[in-house]
């Protein structure tokens, strides 16, 4: 957990600010996962801090939405490879 918090600070992912009196804080939770080696032994323990975004409301808790966008070149390549291998 400490490594994850250090990475968040280093990458400046979040900026802590004083919460305005009319707002609610975003609820977060820790997600833990084991990374395994190919032989099944434990390689390392991972911890991620994630926001429970399903509790948020557009224009109340946030104003912008960001989504991943696929490049058309990547889609063409995937379709080409899929058709080539039937």
C-alpha atoms as a PDB file:
ATOM      1  CA  UNK A   1       0.000   0.000   0.000  1.00  0.00           C
ATOM      2  CA  UNK A   2       2.863   2.349   0.788  1.00  0.00           C
ATOM      3  CA  UNK A   3       4.410   1.699  -2.643  1.00  0.00           C
ATOM      4  CA  UNK A   4       1.107   2.553  -4.328  1.00  0.00           C
ATOM      5  CA  UNK A   5       0.754   5.773  -2.326  1.00  0.00           C
ATOM      6  CA  UNK A   6       4.349   6.738  -3.195  1.00  0.00           C
ATOM      7  CA  UNK A   7       3.636   6.111  -6.898  1.00  0.00           C
ATOM      8  CA  UNK A   8       0.488   8.279  -6.719  1.00  0.00           C
ATOM      9  CA  UNK A   9       2.504  11.101  -5.169  1.00  0.00           C
ATOM     10  CA  UNK A  10       5.429  10.685  -7.586  1.00  0.00           C
ATOM     11  CA  UNK A  11       3.212  10.688 -10.695  1.00  0.00           C
ATOM     12  CA  UNK A  12       1.062  13.511  -9.312  1.00  0.00           C
ATOM     13  CA  UNK A  13      -2.039  11.429 -10.055  1.00  0.00           C
ATOM     14  CA  UNK A  14      -4.133  13.214  -7.455  1.00  0.00           C
ATOM     15  CA  UNK A  15      -3.989  16.548  -5.770  1.00  0.00           C
ATOM     16  CA  UNK A  16      -5.287  16.763  -2.221  1.00  0.00           C
ATOM     17  CA  UNK A  17      -7.389  19.836  -1.630  1.00  0.00           C
ATOM     18  CA  UNK A  18      -9.664  21.110   1.113  1.00  0.00           C
ATOM     19  CA  UNK A  19     -13.147  19.740   0.482  1.00  0.00           C
ATOM     20  CA  UNK A  20     -15.790  22.439  -0.050  1.00  0.00           C
ATOM     21  CA  UNK A  21     -18.536  22.298   2.567  1.00  0.00           C
ATOM     22  CA  UNK A  22     -21.270  21.418   0.042  1.00  0.00           C
ATOM     23  CA  UNK A  23     -19.410  18.400  -1.454  1.00  0.00           C
ATOM     24  CA  UNK A  24     -19.010  14.788  -0.390  1.00  0.00           C
ATOM     25  CA  UNK A  25     -15.631  13.028  -0.578  1.00  0.00           C
ATOM     26  CA  UNK A  26     -15.077  10.339  -3.214  1.00  0.00           C
ATOM     27  CA  UNK A  27     -15.166   6.919  -1.564  1.00  0.00           C
ATOM     28  CA  UNK A  28     -12.113   4.768  -2.286  1.00  0.00           C
ATOM     29  CA  UNK A  29     -11.115   1.210  -1.480  1.00  0.00           C
ATOM     30  CA  UNK A  30      -7.981  -0.890  -1.629  1.00  0.00           C
ATOM     31  CA  UNK A  31      -7.845  -3.797  -4.101  1.00  0.00           C
ATOM     32  CA  UNK A  32      -5.239  -6.467  -3.363  1.00  0.00           C
ATOM     33  CA  UNK A  33      -3.831  -8.990  -5.845  1.00  0.00           C
ATOM     34  CA  UNK A  34      -1.080 -11.589  -5.867  1.00  0.00           C
ATOM     35  CA  UNK A  35       1.273 -11.646  -8.846  1.00  0.00           C
ATOM     36  CA  UNK A  36       2.442 -15.220  -9.434  1.00  0.00           C
ATOM     37  CA  UNK A  37       5.495 -16.675 -11.150  1.00  0.00           C
ATOM     38  CA  UNK A  38       5.049 -19.300 -13.864  1.00  0.00           C
ATOM     39  CA  UNK A  39       5.674 -22.049 -11.278  1.00  0.00           C
ATOM     40  CA  UNK A  40       2.834 -20.746  -9.074  1.00  0.00           C
ATOM     41  CA  UNK A  41       5.018 -19.147  -6.406  1.00  0.00           C
ATOM     42  CA  UNK A  42       4.287 -15.616  -5.251  1.00  0.00           C
ATOM     43  CA  UNK A  43       6.210 -12.991  -7.223  1.00  0.00           C
ATOM     44  CA  UNK A  44       4.834  -9.985  -5.344  1.00  0.00           C
ATOM     45  CA  UNK A  45       1.837  -8.519  -3.571  1.00  0.00           C
ATOM     46  CA  UNK A  46       0.052  -5.684  -5.396  1.00  0.00           C
ATOM     47  CA  UNK A  47      -2.233  -3.046  -3.920  1.00  0.00           C
ATOM     48  CA  UNK A  48      -4.285  -0.510  -5.876  1.00  0.00           C
ATOM     49  CA  UNK A  49      -6.324   2.366  -4.544  1.00  0.00           C
ATOM     50  CA  UNK A  50      -9.498   2.718  -6.634  1.00  0.00           C
ATOM     51  CA  UNK A  51     -12.389   5.158  -6.516  1.00  0.00           C
ATOM     52  CA  UNK A  52     -15.908   3.802  -6.215  1.00  0.00           C
ATOM     53  CA  UNK A  53     -17.012   5.845  -9.211  1.00  0.00           C
ATOM     54  CA  UNK A  54     -20.443   4.207  -9.367  1.00  0.00           C
ATOM     55  CA  UNK A  55     -21.393   6.386  -6.389  1.00  0.00           C
ATOM     56  CA  UNK A  56     -20.609   9.597  -8.274  1.00  0.00           C
ATOM     57  CA  UNK A  57     -23.079  11.735 -10.205  1.00  0.00           C
ATOM     58  CA  UNK A  58     -22.301  13.696 -13.376  1.00  0.00           C
ATOM     59  CA  UNK A  59     -22.146  17.479 -12.837  1.00  0.00           C
ATOM     60  CA  UNK A  60     -22.450  16.959  -9.080  1.00  0.00           C
ATOM     61  CA  UNK A  61     -19.229  15.088  -8.242  1.00  0.00           C
ATOM     62  CA  UNK A  62     -17.400  15.579 -11.561  1.00  0.00           C
ATOM     63  CA  UNK A  63     -17.672  17.554 -14.787  1.00  0.00           C
ATOM     64  CA  UNK A  64     -15.597  15.592 -17.301  1.00  0.00           C
ATOM     65  CA  UNK A  65     -15.463  11.955 -18.421  1.00  0.00           C
ATOM     66  CA  UNK A  66     -12.347  10.354 -19.867  1.00  0.00           C
ATOM     67  CA  UNK A  67     -12.432   7.103 -21.834  1.00  0.00           C
ATOM     68  CA  UNK A  68      -9.896   5.036 -23.696  1.00  0.00           C
ATOM     69  CA  UNK A  69     -10.004   5.461 -27.464  1.00  0.00           C
ATOM     70  CA  UNK A  70      -8.775   2.843 -29.918  1.00  0.00           C
ATOM     71  CA  UNK A  71      -6.748   4.077 -32.879  1.00  0.00           C
ATOM     72  CA  UNK A  72      -8.118   3.205 -36.305  1.00  0.00           C
ATOM     73  CA  UNK A  73      -4.709   1.766 -37.290  1.00  0.00           C
ATOM     74  CA  UNK A  74      -4.927  -0.685 -34.403  1.00  0.00           C
ATOM     75  CA  UNK A  75      -8.458  -1.736 -35.374  1.00  0.00           C
ATOM     76  CA  UNK A  76      -7.417  -2.301 -39.002  1.00  0.00           C
ATOM     77  CA  UNK A  77      -4.459  -4.411 -37.881  1.00  0.00           C
ATOM     78  CA  UNK A  78      -6.659  -6.525 -35.593  1.00  0.00           C
ATOM     79  CA  UNK A  79      -9.240  -7.078 -38.336  1.00  0.00           C
ATOM     80  CA  UNK A  80      -6.496  -7.967 -40.825  1.00  0.00           C
ATOM     81  CA  UNK A  81      -4.939 -10.502 -38.444  1.00  0.00           C
ATOM     82  CA  UNK A  82      -8.327 -11.995 -37.606  1.00  0.00           C
ATOM     83  CA  UNK A  83      -9.292 -12.433 -41.280  1.00  0.00           C
ATOM     84  CA  UNK A  84      -5.886 -13.854 -42.137  1.00  0.00           C
ATOM     85  CA  UNK A  85      -6.224 -16.571 -39.471  1.00  0.00           C
ATOM     86  CA  UNK A  86      -9.933 -17.216 -40.152  1.00  0.00           C
END
